[in-house]
Amino acid sequence: MNRSLVHRKRDKPRYPPQQHIPTLQTALRTIRDHLELSRIAAYERHGISASYLSQIERGERMPSIEILETIITGYGLNPMQARHLRELRTPAEVLAPLDKLRHCVRGNDGLITHIQDLEERGVLAAVVDPMWNVLACNESFRSALPDLDRTDCIPRWLFSPIAQTVLVQWLHEAAHSVATIKAVLGRYRGSQQAHDLMRQLRPNKEFQRLWTSGIDIACGRDTNDLIHQRDPITHELASYRVSVADVTQAQNVLLITAIRKPYAGPNPADR
């Protein structure tokens, strides 16, 4: 039997059985699996030998930035995916503990006053850490996400049953959340928040499916990508234009604002 066919059979693509905080080696292996490439076929794409690629994917070698760029080009990755891999090659960024961030935000009178002023203007507003743990929010924001106070964590709320009744395009929002989570988990992979979030989300079957079914990475949100919501009590439909902005130079605290618009989503009956 042809030896290259044997190699391909042994090296057939497979997704990791469990979801973990991304590292460069696991991200590279997952991308190659998603592209359904053996290491020999990958070599034909980017010219990195199968043996060297194997060492990288097992964490035995750290590729130079030049090698990594060659792999990025060979796999045809988009800018967000490329950024994710570059960040995974560098040391993890430091993220202050959740309690400290929450204390700093709630002690910032100017910031708290600002989100309350937004409340009076009918704007939903929340201050979150990079894992989208809520550090402070106005009442309109909390009302739009019923039961948020159980976790004060937007990704955990999104994978709760009530989110599927509130969000008209729940699957779209869940997939975007997973793509965002992958990016921030990689960037802050040494933080307690990263380990806590993965531990909390990992048992969720929908999270597992979305995590393993794609390689999309998201940073921020397109303001033209409206969130479509159904009021859980009145069943009234509305759309929201969401913006995410850095509050601090360290980029450890984000301000989320959502402005209500006339409903512009799909017909809920078609869901």
C-alpha atoms as a PDB file:
ATOM      1  CA  MET A   1       0.000   0.000   0.000  1.00  0.00           C
ATOM      2  CA  ASN A   2       1.185   3.493  -0.803  1.00  0.00           C
ATOM      3  CA  ARG A   3       2.916   4.911   2.324  1.00  0.00           C
ATOM      4  CA  SER A   4       1.430   8.385   1.822  1.00  0.00           C
ATOM      5  CA  LEU A   5      -2.083   6.877   1.896  1.00  0.00           C
ATOM      6  CA  VAL A   6      -1.250   5.117   5.152  1.00  0.00           C
ATOM      7  CA  HIS A   7      -0.034   8.414   6.579  1.00  0.00           C
ATOM      8  CA  ARG A   8      -3.208  10.163   5.497  1.00  0.00           C
ATOM      9  CA  LYS A   9      -5.380   7.485   7.076  1.00  0.00           C
ATOM     10  CA  ARG A  10      -3.564   7.714  10.411  1.00  0.00           C
ATOM     11  CA  ASP A  11      -3.646  11.480  10.278  1.00  0.00           C
ATOM     12  CA  LYS A  12      -7.314  11.820   9.306  1.00  0.00           C
ATOM     13  CA  PRO A  13      -8.948  15.020  10.578  1.00  0.00           C
ATOM     14  CA  ARG A  14     -10.689  14.816  13.920  1.00  0.00           C
ATOM     15  CA  TYR A  15     -11.990  17.429  16.310  1.00  0.00           C
ATOM     16  CA  PRO A  16     -10.754  17.392  19.888  1.00  0.00           C
ATOM     17  CA  PRO A  17     -13.212  15.476  22.096  1.00  0.00           C
ATOM     18  CA  GLN A  18     -13.492  18.300  24.608  1.00  0.00           C
ATOM     19  CA  GLN A  19     -13.383  22.068  24.487  1.00  0.00           C
ATOM     20  CA  HIS A  20     -10.333  23.754  25.980  1.00  0.00           C
ATOM     21  CA  ILE A  21      -8.901  27.251  26.216  1.00  0.00           C
ATOM     22  CA  PRO A  22      -7.102  27.789  22.892  1.00  0.00           C
ATOM     23  CA  THR A  23      -3.358  27.487  22.577  1.00  0.00           C
ATOM     24  CA  LEU A  24      -1.379  27.971  19.393  1.00  0.00           C
ATOM     25  CA  GLN A  25      -0.892  24.249  18.908  1.00  0.00           C
ATOM     26  CA  THR A  26      -4.555  23.315  19.470  1.00  0.00           C
ATOM     27  CA  ALA A  27      -5.756  26.192  17.279  1.00  0.00           C
ATOM     28  CA  LEU A  28      -3.476  25.157  14.409  1.00  0.00           C
ATOM     29  CA  ARG A  29      -4.577  21.534  14.685  1.00  0.00           C
ATOM     30  CA  THR A  30      -8.248  22.510  14.801  1.00  0.00           C
ATOM     31  CA  ILE A  31      -7.885  24.711  11.717  1.00  0.00           C
ATOM     32  CA  ARG A  32      -6.153  21.920   9.785  1.00  0.00           C
ATOM     33  CA  ASP A  33      -8.839  19.450  10.862  1.00  0.00           C
ATOM     34  CA  HIS A  34     -11.561  21.858   9.793  1.00  0.00           C
ATOM     35  CA  LEU A  35      -9.905  22.228   6.374  1.00  0.00           C
ATOM     36  CA  GLU A  36      -9.778  18.404   6.191  1.00  0.00           C
ATOM     37  CA  LEU A  37      -6.065  18.374   5.474  1.00  0.00           C
ATOM     38  CA  SER A  38      -3.539  15.729   6.410  1.00  0.00           C
ATOM     39  CA  ARG A  39      -0.135  17.120   7.364  1.00  0.00           C
ATOM     40  CA  ILE A  40       1.161  16.083   3.951  1.00  0.00           C
ATOM     41  CA  ALA A  41      -1.679  17.938   2.232  1.00  0.00           C
ATOM     42  CA  ALA A  42      -0.993  20.926   4.507  1.00  0.00           C
ATOM     43  CA  TYR A  43       2.636  20.874   3.345  1.00  0.00           C
ATOM     44  CA  GLU A  44       1.384  21.302  -0.201  1.00  0.00           C
ATOM     45  CA  ARG A  45      -0.425  24.436   0.960  1.00  0.00           C
ATOM     46  CA  HIS A  46       2.310  26.172   2.951  1.00  0.00           C
ATOM     47  CA  GLY A  47       5.562  24.251   2.533  1.00  0.00           C
ATOM     48  CA  ILE A  48       6.010  23.384   6.237  1.00  0.00           C
ATOM     49  CA  SER A  49       7.138  19.769   6.509  1.00  0.00           C
ATOM     50  CA  ALA A  50       4.770  17.239   8.042  1.00  0.00           C
ATOM     51  CA  SER A  51       7.273  16.400  10.792  1.00  0.00           C
ATOM     52  CA  TYR A  52       7.851  20.042  11.749  1.00  0.00           C
ATOM     53  CA  LEU A  53       4.116  20.772  11.648  1.00  0.00           C
ATOM     54  CA  SER A  54       3.537  17.770  13.899  1.00  0.00           C
ATOM     55  CA  GLN A  55       6.025  19.146  16.434  1.00  0.00           C
ATOM     56  CA  ILE A  56       4.244  22.532  16.375  1.00  0.00           C
ATOM     57  CA  GLU A  57       0.806  20.970  16.812  1.00  0.00           C
ATOM     58  CA  ARG A  58       2.044  18.878  19.754  1.00  0.00           C
ATOM     59  CA  GLY A  59       3.533  21.948  21.433  1.00  0.00           C
ATOM     60  CA  GLU A  60       7.096  20.695  21.065  1.00  0.00           C
ATOM     61  CA  ARG A  61       8.218  23.598  18.863  1.00  0.00           C
ATOM     62  CA  MET A  62       7.202  27.254  18.803  1.00  0.00           C
ATOM     63  CA  PRO A  63       7.150  28.512  15.220  1.00  0.00           C
ATOM     64  CA  SER A  64       8.911  31.728  14.352  1.00  0.00           C
ATOM     65  CA  ILE A  65       6.652  34.601  13.324  1.00  0.00           C
ATOM     66  CA  GLU A  66       7.812  34.016   9.734  1.00  0.00           C
ATOM     67  CA  ILE A  67       6.765  30.363   9.860  1.00  0.00           C
ATOM     68  CA  LEU A  68       3.435  31.295  11.418  1.00  0.00           C
ATOM     69  CA  GLU A  69       2.769  33.854   8.692  1.00  0.00           C
ATOM     70  CA  THR A  70       3.563  31.209   6.085  1.00  0.00           C
ATOM     71  CA  ILE A  71       1.006  28.876   7.676  1.00  0.00           C
ATOM     72  CA  ILE A  72      -1.599  31.655   7.865  1.00  0.00           C
ATOM     73  CA  THR A  73      -1.161  32.418   4.170  1.00  0.00           C
ATOM     74  CA  GLY A  74      -1.146  28.754   3.192  1.00  0.00           C
ATOM     75  CA  TYR A  75      -4.402  28.051   5.013  1.00  0.00           C
ATOM     76  CA  GLY A  76      -6.001  31.185   3.541  1.00  0.00           C
ATOM     77  CA  LEU A  77      -7.105  32.521   6.919  1.00  0.00           C
ATOM     78  CA  ASN A  78      -9.032  35.757   7.288  1.00  0.00           C
ATOM     79  CA  PRO A  79      -7.707  38.743   9.293  1.00  0.00           C
ATOM     80  CA  MET A  80      -9.497  37.788  12.522  1.00  0.00           C
ATOM     81  CA  GLN A  81      -8.228  34.198  12.400  1.00  0.00           C
ATOM     82  CA  ALA A  82      -4.719  35.446  11.641  1.00  0.00           C
ATOM     83  CA  ARG A  83      -4.870  37.897  14.539  1.00  0.00           C
ATOM     84  CA  HIS A  84      -5.977  35.087  16.859  1.00  0.00           C
ATOM     85  CA  LEU A  85      -2.988  32.916  15.928  1.00  0.00           C
ATOM     86  CA  ARG A  86      -0.561  35.812  16.327  1.00  0.00           C
ATOM     87  CA  GLU A  87      -1.954  36.546  19.787  1.00  0.00           C
ATOM     88  CA  LEU A  88      -1.639  32.885  20.751  1.00  0.00           C
ATOM     89  CA  ARG A  89       2.034  33.003  19.827  1.00  0.00           C
ATOM     90  CA  THR A  90       2.664  35.864  22.276  1.00  0.00           C
ATOM     91  CA  PRO A  91       2.417  35.674  26.082  1.00  0.00           C
ATOM     92  CA  ALA A  92      -1.109  35.862  27.481  1.00  0.00           C
ATOM     93  CA  GLU A  93      -2.289  39.327  28.431  1.00  0.00           C
ATOM     94  CA  VAL A  94      -2.819  40.046  32.110  1.00  0.00           C
ATOM     95  CA  LEU A  95      -6.420  40.451  33.256  1.00  0.00           C
ATOM     96  CA  ALA A  96      -7.218  41.710  36.734  1.00  0.00           C
ATOM     97  CA  PRO A  97      -9.465  39.468  38.872  1.00  0.00           C
ATOM     98  CA  LEU A  98     -13.200  39.929  38.402  1.00  0.00           C
ATOM     99  CA  ASP A  99     -13.783  41.269  41.916  1.00  0.00           C
ATOM    100  CA  LYS A 100     -11.103  43.918  41.462  1.00  0.00           C
ATOM    101  CA  LEU A 101     -12.492  45.029  38.093  1.00  0.00           C
ATOM    102  CA  ARG A 102     -16.028  45.175  39.487  1.00  0.00           C
ATOM    103  CA  HIS A 103     -14.854  47.212  42.480  1.00  0.00           C
ATOM    104  CA  CYS A 104     -12.979  49.669  40.251  1.00  0.00           C
ATOM    105  CA  VAL A 105     -15.942  50.136  37.917  1.00  0.00           C
ATOM    106  CA  ARG A 106     -18.534  50.578  40.667  1.00  0.00           C
ATOM    107  CA  GLY A 107     -16.226  53.027  42.404  1.00  0.00           C
ATOM    108  CA  ASN A 108     -15.970  55.151  39.257  1.00  0.00           C
ATOM    109  CA  ASP A 109     -18.712  57.703  39.872  1.00  0.00           C
ATOM    110  CA  GLY A 110     -18.345  59.262  36.436  1.00  0.00           C
ATOM    111  CA  LEU A 111     -18.795  55.941  34.643  1.00  0.00           C
ATOM    112  CA  ILE A 112     -21.779  54.909  36.770  1.00  0.00           C
ATOM    113  CA  THR A 113     -23.393  58.301  36.199  1.00  0.00           C
ATOM    114  CA  HIS A 114     -22.825  57.901  32.459  1.00  0.00           C
ATOM    115  CA  ILE A 115     -24.640  54.572  32.200  1.00  0.00           C
ATOM    116  CA  GLN A 116     -27.509  56.005  34.270  1.00  0.00           C
ATOM    117  CA  ASP A 117     -27.678  59.022  31.954  1.00  0.00           C
ATOM    118  CA  LEU A 118     -27.927  56.574  29.058  1.00  0.00           C
ATOM    119  CA  GLU A 119     -30.850  54.934  30.871  1.00  0.00           C
ATOM    120  CA  GLU A 120     -32.721  58.249  30.866  1.00  0.00           C
ATOM    121  CA  ARG A 121     -32.127  58.517  27.116  1.00  0.00           C
ATOM    122  CA  GLY A 122     -33.532  55.058  26.537  1.00  0.00           C
ATOM    123  CA  VAL A 123     -30.166  53.442  25.816  1.00  0.00           C
ATOM    124  CA  LEU A 124     -29.296  50.046  27.252  1.00  0.00           C
ATOM    125  CA  ALA A 125     -25.790  50.124  28.735  1.00  0.00           C
ATOM    126  CA  ALA A 126     -23.438  47.790  30.556  1.00  0.00           C
ATOM    127  CA  VAL A 127     -19.775  47.775  31.527  1.00  0.00           C
ATOM    128  CA  VAL A 128     -18.188  44.346  31.103  1.00  0.00           C
ATOM    129  CA  ASP A 129     -14.794  42.684  31.281  1.00  0.00           C
ATOM    130  CA  PRO A 130     -13.354  40.976  28.160  1.00  0.00           C
ATOM    131  CA  MET A 131     -15.197  37.728  29.064  1.00  0.00           C
ATOM    132  CA  TRP A 132     -18.430  39.759  29.069  1.00  0.00           C
ATOM    133  CA  ASN A 133     -18.922  39.427  32.814  1.00  0.00           C
ATOM    134  CA  VAL A 134     -21.189  42.322  33.810  1.00  0.00           C
ATOM    135  CA  LEU A 135     -19.395  44.762  36.102  1.00  0.00           C
ATOM    136  CA  ALA A 136     -22.233  47.309  36.149  1.00  0.00           C
ATOM    137  CA  CYS A 137     -25.313  48.019  34.032  1.00  0.00           C
ATOM    138  CA  ASN A 138     -28.424  50.147  33.939  1.00  0.00           C
ATOM    139  CA  GLU A 139     -31.878  48.760  34.600  1.00  0.00           C
ATOM    140  CA  SER A 140     -32.920  48.790  30.942  1.00  0.00           C
ATOM    141  CA  PHE A 141     -30.024  46.515  30.066  1.00  0.00           C
ATOM    142  CA  ARG A 142     -30.844  44.093  32.871  1.00  0.00           C
ATOM    143  CA  SER A 143     -34.541  44.034  31.909  1.00  0.00           C
ATOM    144  CA  ALA A 144     -33.669  43.174  28.309  1.00  0.00           C
ATOM    145  CA  LEU A 145     -31.774  40.072  29.503  1.00  0.00           C
ATOM    146  CA  PRO A 146     -34.194  38.407  31.951  1.00  0.00           C
ATOM    147  CA  ASP A 147     -32.508  36.284  34.629  1.00  0.00           C
ATOM    148  CA  LEU A 148     -29.124  37.862  33.891  1.00  0.00           C
ATOM    149  CA  ASP A 149     -28.705  38.445  37.612  1.00  0.00           C
ATOM    150  CA  ARG A 150     -28.317  34.692  38.146  1.00  0.00           C
ATOM    151  CA  THR A 151     -24.838  34.765  36.613  1.00  0.00           C
ATOM    152  CA  ASP A 152     -24.025  38.378  35.611  1.00  0.00           C
ATOM    153  CA  CYS A 153     -22.250  36.788  32.644  1.00  0.00           C
ATOM    154  CA  ILE A 154     -23.629  37.470  29.161  1.00  0.00           C
ATOM    155  CA  PRO A 155     -22.221  34.308  27.462  1.00  0.00           C
ATOM    156  CA  ARG A 156     -23.631  32.097  30.223  1.00  0.00           C
ATOM    157  CA  TRP A 157     -26.981  33.881  29.915  1.00  0.00           C
ATOM    158  CA  LEU A 158     -26.933  33.428  26.147  1.00  0.00           C
ATOM    159  CA  PHE A 159     -26.644  29.655  26.539  1.00  0.00           C
ATOM    160  CA  SER A 160     -29.518  29.530  29.017  1.00  0.00           C
ATOM    161  CA  PRO A 161     -33.028  28.424  27.921  1.00  0.00           C
ATOM    162  CA  ILE A 162     -34.582  31.866  28.339  1.00  0.00           C
ATOM    163  CA  ALA A 163     -32.180  33.417  25.811  1.00  0.00           C
ATOM    164  CA  GLN A 164     -33.643  31.226  23.080  1.00  0.00           C
ATOM    165  CA  THR A 165     -37.093  32.699  23.753  1.00  0.00           C
ATOM    166  CA  VAL A 166     -35.825  36.296  23.888  1.00  0.00           C
ATOM    167  CA  LEU A 167     -33.464  36.344  20.894  1.00  0.00           C
ATOM    168  CA  VAL A 168     -35.199  35.936  17.543  1.00  0.00           C
ATOM    169  CA  GLN A 169     -31.948  34.846  15.868  1.00  0.00           C
ATOM    170  CA  TRP A 170     -30.563  32.931  18.806  1.00  0.00           C
ATOM    171  CA  LEU A 171     -28.347  30.630  16.733  1.00  0.00           C
ATOM    172  CA  HIS A 172     -26.698  33.581  14.993  1.00  0.00           C
ATOM    173  CA  GLU A 173     -26.049  35.273  18.342  1.00  0.00           C
ATOM    174  CA  ALA A 174     -24.753  32.063  19.924  1.00  0.00           C
ATOM    175  CA  ALA A 175     -22.339  31.453  17.039  1.00  0.00           C
ATOM    176  CA  HIS A 176     -21.069  35.037  17.233  1.00  0.00           C
ATOM    177  CA  SER A 177     -20.616  34.658  20.993  1.00  0.00           C
ATOM    178  CA  VAL A 178     -18.533  31.493  20.545  1.00  0.00           C
ATOM    179  CA  ALA A 179     -16.353  33.192  17.915  1.00  0.00           C
ATOM    180  CA  THR A 180     -15.826  36.101  20.331  1.00  0.00           C
ATOM    181  CA  ILE A 181     -15.147  33.805  23.277  1.00  0.00           C
ATOM    182  CA  LYS A 182     -12.439  31.954  21.358  1.00  0.00           C
ATOM    183  CA  ALA A 183     -10.624  35.230  20.746  1.00  0.00           C
ATOM    184  CA  VAL A 184     -10.748  36.507  24.335  1.00  0.00           C
ATOM    185  CA  LEU A 185      -9.972  33.120  25.881  1.00  0.00           C
ATOM    186  CA  GLY A 186      -6.832  32.958  23.778  1.00  0.00           C
ATOM    187  CA  ARG A 187      -5.813  36.537  24.577  1.00  0.00           C
ATOM    188  CA  TYR A 188      -6.345  36.182  28.337  1.00  0.00           C
ATOM    189  CA  ARG A 189      -5.744  32.424  28.590  1.00  0.00           C
ATOM    190  CA  GLY A 190      -3.860  32.718  31.876  1.00  0.00           C
ATOM    191  CA  SER A 191      -6.649  34.528  33.720  1.00  0.00           C
ATOM    192  CA  GLN A 192      -9.020  33.033  36.253  1.00  0.00           C
ATOM    193  CA  GLN A 193     -11.958  34.458  34.299  1.00  0.00           C
ATOM    194  CA  ALA A 194     -10.938  32.457  31.226  1.00  0.00           C
ATOM    195  CA  HIS A 195     -10.778  29.186  33.154  1.00  0.00           C
ATOM    196  CA  ASP A 196     -14.040  29.922  34.966  1.00  0.00           C
ATOM    197  CA  LEU A 197     -15.908  30.738  31.753  1.00  0.00           C
ATOM    198  CA  MET A 198     -14.752  27.608  29.948  1.00  0.00           C
ATOM    199  CA  ARG A 199     -15.582  25.435  32.944  1.00  0.00           C
ATOM    200  CA  GLN A 200     -19.077  26.923  33.120  1.00  0.00           C
ATOM    201  CA  LEU A 201     -19.862  26.707  29.405  1.00  0.00           C
ATOM    202  CA  ARG A 202     -18.210  23.385  28.553  1.00  0.00           C
ATOM    203  CA  PRO A 203     -21.114  21.166  29.763  1.00  0.00           C
ATOM    204  CA  ASN A 204     -23.626  22.946  27.495  1.00  0.00           C
ATOM    205  CA  LYS A 205     -24.367  20.781  24.443  1.00  0.00           C
ATOM    206  CA  GLU A 206     -25.120  23.710  22.137  1.00  0.00           C
ATOM    207  CA  PHE A 207     -21.893  25.405  23.170  1.00  0.00           C
ATOM    208  CA  GLN A 208     -19.976  22.188  22.473  1.00  0.00           C
ATOM    209  CA  ARG A 209     -21.530  21.868  19.024  1.00  0.00           C
ATOM    210  CA  LEU A 210     -20.834  25.444  18.003  1.00  0.00           C
ATOM    211  CA  TRP A 211     -17.294  25.351  19.423  1.00  0.00           C
ATOM    212  CA  THR A 212     -16.308  22.293  17.395  1.00  0.00           C
ATOM    213  CA  SER A 213     -18.245  23.012  14.197  1.00  0.00           C
ATOM    214  CA  GLY A 214     -16.353  26.085  13.044  1.00  0.00           C
ATOM    215  CA  ILE A 215     -13.146  28.109  13.195  1.00  0.00           C
ATOM    216  CA  ASP A 216     -14.616  31.613  13.074  1.00  0.00           C
ATOM    217  CA  ILE A 217     -13.051  34.293  15.277  1.00  0.00           C
ATOM    218  CA  ALA A 218     -14.778  37.573  16.104  1.00  0.00           C
ATOM    219  CA  CYS A 219     -13.422  40.764  17.653  1.00  0.00           C
ATOM    220  CA  GLY A 220     -16.059  43.358  18.386  1.00  0.00           C
ATOM    221  CA  ARG A 221     -19.367  43.626  16.553  1.00  0.00           C
ATOM    222  CA  ASP A 222     -20.471  45.255  13.325  1.00  0.00           C
ATOM    223  CA  THR A 223     -22.943  47.992  14.290  1.00  0.00           C
ATOM    224  CA  ASN A 224     -25.021  47.039  11.244  1.00  0.00           C
ATOM    225  CA  ASP A 225     -25.484  43.545  12.686  1.00  0.00           C
ATOM    226  CA  LEU A 226     -28.639  44.258  14.675  1.00  0.00           C
ATOM    227  CA  ILE A 227     -29.815  42.128  17.572  1.00  0.00           C
ATOM    228  CA  HIS A 228     -33.484  41.173  17.245  1.00  0.00           C
ATOM    229  CA  GLN A 229     -35.373  40.625  20.473  1.00  0.00           C
ATOM    230  CA  ARG A 230     -38.779  39.533  21.698  1.00  0.00           C
ATOM    231  CA  ASP A 231     -39.984  40.953  24.995  1.00  0.00           C
ATOM    232  CA  PRO A 232     -40.509  37.912  27.257  1.00  0.00           C
ATOM    233  CA  ILE A 233     -43.665  39.450  28.816  1.00  0.00           C
ATOM    234  CA  THR A 234     -45.364  41.495  26.089  1.00  0.00           C
ATOM    235  CA  HIS A 235     -43.885  39.510  23.151  1.00  0.00           C
ATOM    236  CA  GLU A 236     -43.253  42.840  21.421  1.00  0.00           C
ATOM    237  CA  LEU A 237     -40.461  42.695  18.851  1.00  0.00           C
ATOM    238  CA  ALA A 238     -37.624  45.195  18.632  1.00  0.00           C
ATOM    239  CA  SER A 239     -34.187  45.488  17.060  1.00  0.00           C
ATOM    240  CA  TYR A 240     -31.096  46.954  18.700  1.00  0.00           C
ATOM    241  CA  ARG A 241     -27.981  48.560  17.280  1.00  0.00           C
ATOM    242  CA  VAL A 242     -25.121  47.475  19.539  1.00  0.00           C
ATOM    243  CA  SER A 243     -21.783  49.218  19.999  1.00  0.00           C
ATOM    244  CA  VAL A 244     -18.784  48.019  21.994  1.00  0.00           C
ATOM    245  CA  ALA A 245     -16.109  50.503  23.065  1.00  0.00           C
ATOM    246  CA  ASP A 246     -13.032  50.414  25.282  1.00  0.00           C
ATOM    247  CA  VAL A 247     -13.413  52.274  28.557  1.00  0.00           C
ATOM    248  CA  THR A 248      -9.788  52.019  29.674  1.00  0.00           C
ATOM    249  CA  GLN A 249      -6.500  52.236  27.826  1.00  0.00           C
ATOM    250  CA  ALA A 250      -5.669  48.747  29.080  1.00  0.00           C
ATOM    251  CA  GLN A 251      -8.713  47.438  27.156  1.00  0.00           C
ATOM    252  CA  ASN A 252      -9.791  45.385  30.164  1.00  0.00           C
ATOM    253  CA  VAL A 253     -13.153  47.130  30.523  1.00  0.00           C
ATOM    254  CA  LEU A 254     -15.710  47.559  27.741  1.00  0.00           C
ATOM    255  CA  LEU A 255     -18.852  49.668  27.467  1.00  0.00           C
ATOM    256  CA  ILE A 256     -21.761  48.026  25.640  1.00  0.00           C
ATOM    257  CA  THR A 257     -24.582  50.252  24.442  1.00  0.00           C
ATOM    258  CA  ALA A 258     -27.736  49.183  22.617  1.00  0.00           C
ATOM    259  CA  ILE A 259     -30.100  51.633  20.922  1.00  0.00           C
ATOM    260  CA  ARG A 260     -33.633  50.432  20.221  1.00  0.00           C
ATOM    261  CA  LYS A 261     -34.824  50.510  16.607  1.00  0.00           C
ATOM    262  CA  PRO A 262     -38.048  49.455  14.876  1.00  0.00           C
ATOM    263  CA  TYR A 263     -38.054  45.697  14.380  1.00  0.00           C
ATOM    264  CA  ALA A 264     -36.081  44.795  11.278  1.00  0.00           C
ATOM    265  CA  GLY A 265     -35.513  41.077  11.777  1.00  0.00           C
ATOM    266  CA  PRO A 266     -36.939  37.986  10.132  1.00  0.00           C
ATOM    267  CA  ASN A 267     -40.504  36.883  10.538  1.00  0.00           C
ATOM    268  CA  PRO A 268     -40.490  35.024  13.882  1.00  0.00           C
ATOM    269  CA  ALA A 269     -42.967  32.532  12.434  1.00  0.00           C
ATOM    270  CA  ASP A 270     -40.225  31.389  10.047  1.00  0.00           C
ATOM    271  CA  ARG A 271     -37.873  30.380  12.856  1.00  0.00           C
END
